[in-house]
Amino acid sequence: MDLPSHAIAQGGRLVGLWEYDTEKDHIVAGVFGKKTPAIEKAMAAMEAFVRDQLGDARQFSLDSPESRKDRLAALRKI
């Protein structure tokens, strides 16, 4: 089964999901539990990579900033 968003893995376990908000050039992450310093550091590095090198991070080929709005809202509630 596919995940609804990009995975955050730590120690071989799924610990959260993330999406890239192109309007704010920012990663929105929903972590299942406490955000550790390692997760914060990894998210900051990924955010810089997406912003500076890619410009966007699509979940699948037809993904767009518009189609991502509901997923972003759901992640902000986690």
C-alpha atoms as a PDB file:
ATOM      1  CA  MET A   1       0.000   0.000   0.000  1.00  0.00           C
ATOM      2  CA  ASP A   2       1.250   3.507  -0.797  1.00  0.00           C
ATOM      3  CA  LEU A   3       1.686   6.181   1.823  1.00  0.00           C
ATOM      4  CA  PRO A   4      -0.324   9.394   1.352  1.00  0.00           C
ATOM      5  CA  SER A   5       2.821  11.538   1.799  1.00  0.00           C
ATOM      6  CA  HIS A   6       6.613  11.238   1.921  1.00  0.00           C
ATOM      7  CA  ALA A   7       7.870   9.036   4.752  1.00  0.00           C
ATOM      8  CA  ILE A   8       9.990  10.019   7.724  1.00  0.00           C
ATOM      9  CA  ALA A   9      11.890   6.962   8.895  1.00  0.00           C
ATOM     10  CA  GLN A  10      14.079   6.603  11.957  1.00  0.00           C
ATOM     11  CA  GLY A  11      15.757   3.425  13.096  1.00  0.00           C
ATOM     12  CA  GLY A  12      13.927   1.416  10.445  1.00  0.00           C
ATOM     13  CA  ARG A  13      10.498   2.602  11.622  1.00  0.00           C
ATOM     14  CA  LEU A  14       7.964   4.939  10.046  1.00  0.00           C
ATOM     15  CA  VAL A  15       7.823   7.900  12.453  1.00  0.00           C
ATOM     16  CA  GLY A  16       6.011  10.494  10.364  1.00  0.00           C
ATOM     17  CA  LEU A  17       5.059  11.970   7.010  1.00  0.00           C
ATOM     18  CA  TRP A  18       5.977  15.174   5.207  1.00  0.00           C
ATOM     19  CA  GLU A  19       5.001  17.348   2.244  1.00  0.00           C
ATOM     20  CA  TYR A  20       6.620  20.406   0.700  1.00  0.00           C
ATOM     21  CA  ASP A  21       4.614  23.635   0.808  1.00  0.00           C
ATOM     22  CA  THR A  22       5.684  25.574  -2.302  1.00  0.00           C
ATOM     23  CA  GLU A  23       3.862  28.730  -1.203  1.00  0.00           C
ATOM     24  CA  LYS A  24       6.013  29.000   1.926  1.00  0.00           C
ATOM     25  CA  ASP A  25       9.110  27.092   0.677  1.00  0.00           C
ATOM     26  CA  HIS A  26       8.810  24.933   3.762  1.00  0.00           C
ATOM     27  CA  ILE A  27       8.411  21.289   4.714  1.00  0.00           C
ATOM     28  CA  VAL A  28       5.307  20.478   6.720  1.00  0.00           C
ATOM     29  CA  ALA A  29       5.974  17.383   8.814  1.00  0.00           C
ATOM     30  CA  GLY A  30       3.635  15.327  10.922  1.00  0.00           C
ATOM     31  CA  VAL A  31       5.519  13.139  13.383  1.00  0.00           C
ATOM     32  CA  PHE A  32       3.839  10.291  15.268  1.00  0.00           C
ATOM     33  CA  GLY A  33       5.255  11.139  18.673  1.00  0.00           C
ATOM     34  CA  LYS A  34       7.977  13.555  19.681  1.00  0.00           C
ATOM     35  CA  LYS A  35      10.170  15.363  17.122  1.00  0.00           C
ATOM     36  CA  THR A  36      13.723  14.462  18.016  1.00  0.00           C
ATOM     37  CA  PRO A  37      16.740  16.657  17.246  1.00  0.00           C
ATOM     38  CA  ALA A  38      17.744  14.101  14.596  1.00  0.00           C
ATOM     39  CA  ILE A  39      14.365  14.437  12.866  1.00  0.00           C
ATOM     40  CA  GLU A  40      14.560  18.254  13.044  1.00  0.00           C
ATOM     41  CA  LYS A  41      18.066  18.200  11.525  1.00  0.00           C
ATOM     42  CA  ALA A  42      17.054  15.800   8.743  1.00  0.00           C
ATOM     43  CA  MET A  43      13.941  17.852   7.901  1.00  0.00           C
ATOM     44  CA  ALA A  44      15.994  21.071   7.748  1.00  0.00           C
ATOM     45  CA  ALA A  45      18.495  19.418   5.389  1.00  0.00           C
ATOM     46  CA  MET A  46      15.710  18.005   3.187  1.00  0.00           C
ATOM     47  CA  GLU A  47      13.920  21.358   3.129  1.00  0.00           C
ATOM     48  CA  ALA A  48      17.104  23.132   1.967  1.00  0.00           C
ATOM     49  CA  PHE A  49      17.706  20.469  -0.690  1.00  0.00           C
ATOM     50  CA  VAL A  50      14.161  20.651  -2.062  1.00  0.00           C
ATOM     51  CA  ARG A  51      14.094  24.468  -1.991  1.00  0.00           C
ATOM     52  CA  ASP A  52      17.591  25.032  -3.435  1.00  0.00           C
ATOM     53  CA  GLN A  53      17.986  22.092  -5.819  1.00  0.00           C
ATOM     54  CA  LEU A  54      14.539  20.807  -6.802  1.00  0.00           C
ATOM     55  CA  GLY A  55      12.006  23.580  -6.224  1.00  0.00           C
ATOM     56  CA  ASP A  56       9.314  21.035  -5.315  1.00  0.00           C
ATOM     57  CA  ALA A  57       8.943  17.463  -4.035  1.00  0.00           C
ATOM     58  CA  ARG A  58       6.085  15.602  -5.667  1.00  0.00           C
ATOM     59  CA  GLN A  59       4.565  12.493  -4.151  1.00  0.00           C
ATOM     60  CA  PHE A  60       3.743  11.141  -7.634  1.00  0.00           C
ATOM     61  CA  SER A  61       3.961  12.395 -11.223  1.00  0.00           C
ATOM     62  CA  LEU A  62       0.594  14.207 -11.290  1.00  0.00           C
ATOM     63  CA  ASP A  63       1.047  15.764  -7.844  1.00  0.00           C
ATOM     64  CA  SER A  64       0.884  19.561  -7.777  1.00  0.00           C
ATOM     65  CA  PRO A  65       0.970  22.305  -5.143  1.00  0.00           C
ATOM     66  CA  GLU A  66      -2.805  22.659  -5.577  1.00  0.00           C
ATOM     67  CA  SER A  67      -3.553  18.946  -5.146  1.00  0.00           C
ATOM     68  CA  ARG A  68      -1.329  18.870  -2.048  1.00  0.00           C
ATOM     69  CA  LYS A  69      -3.322  21.417  -0.002  1.00  0.00           C
ATOM     70  CA  ASP A  70      -5.517  18.858   1.790  1.00  0.00           C
ATOM     71  CA  ARG A  71      -2.492  16.718   2.706  1.00  0.00           C
ATOM     72  CA  LEU A  72      -0.662  19.798   4.011  1.00  0.00           C
ATOM     73  CA  ALA A  73      -3.666  20.711   6.170  1.00  0.00           C
ATOM     74  CA  ALA A  74      -3.868  17.173   7.557  1.00  0.00           C
ATOM     75  CA  LEU A  75      -0.147  17.115   8.409  1.00  0.00           C
ATOM     76  CA  ARG A  76      -0.428  20.440  10.215  1.00  0.00           C
ATOM     77  CA  LYS A  77      -3.031  18.843  12.523  1.00  0.00           C
ATOM     78  CA  ILE A  78      -0.736  15.982  13.589  1.00  0.00           C
END
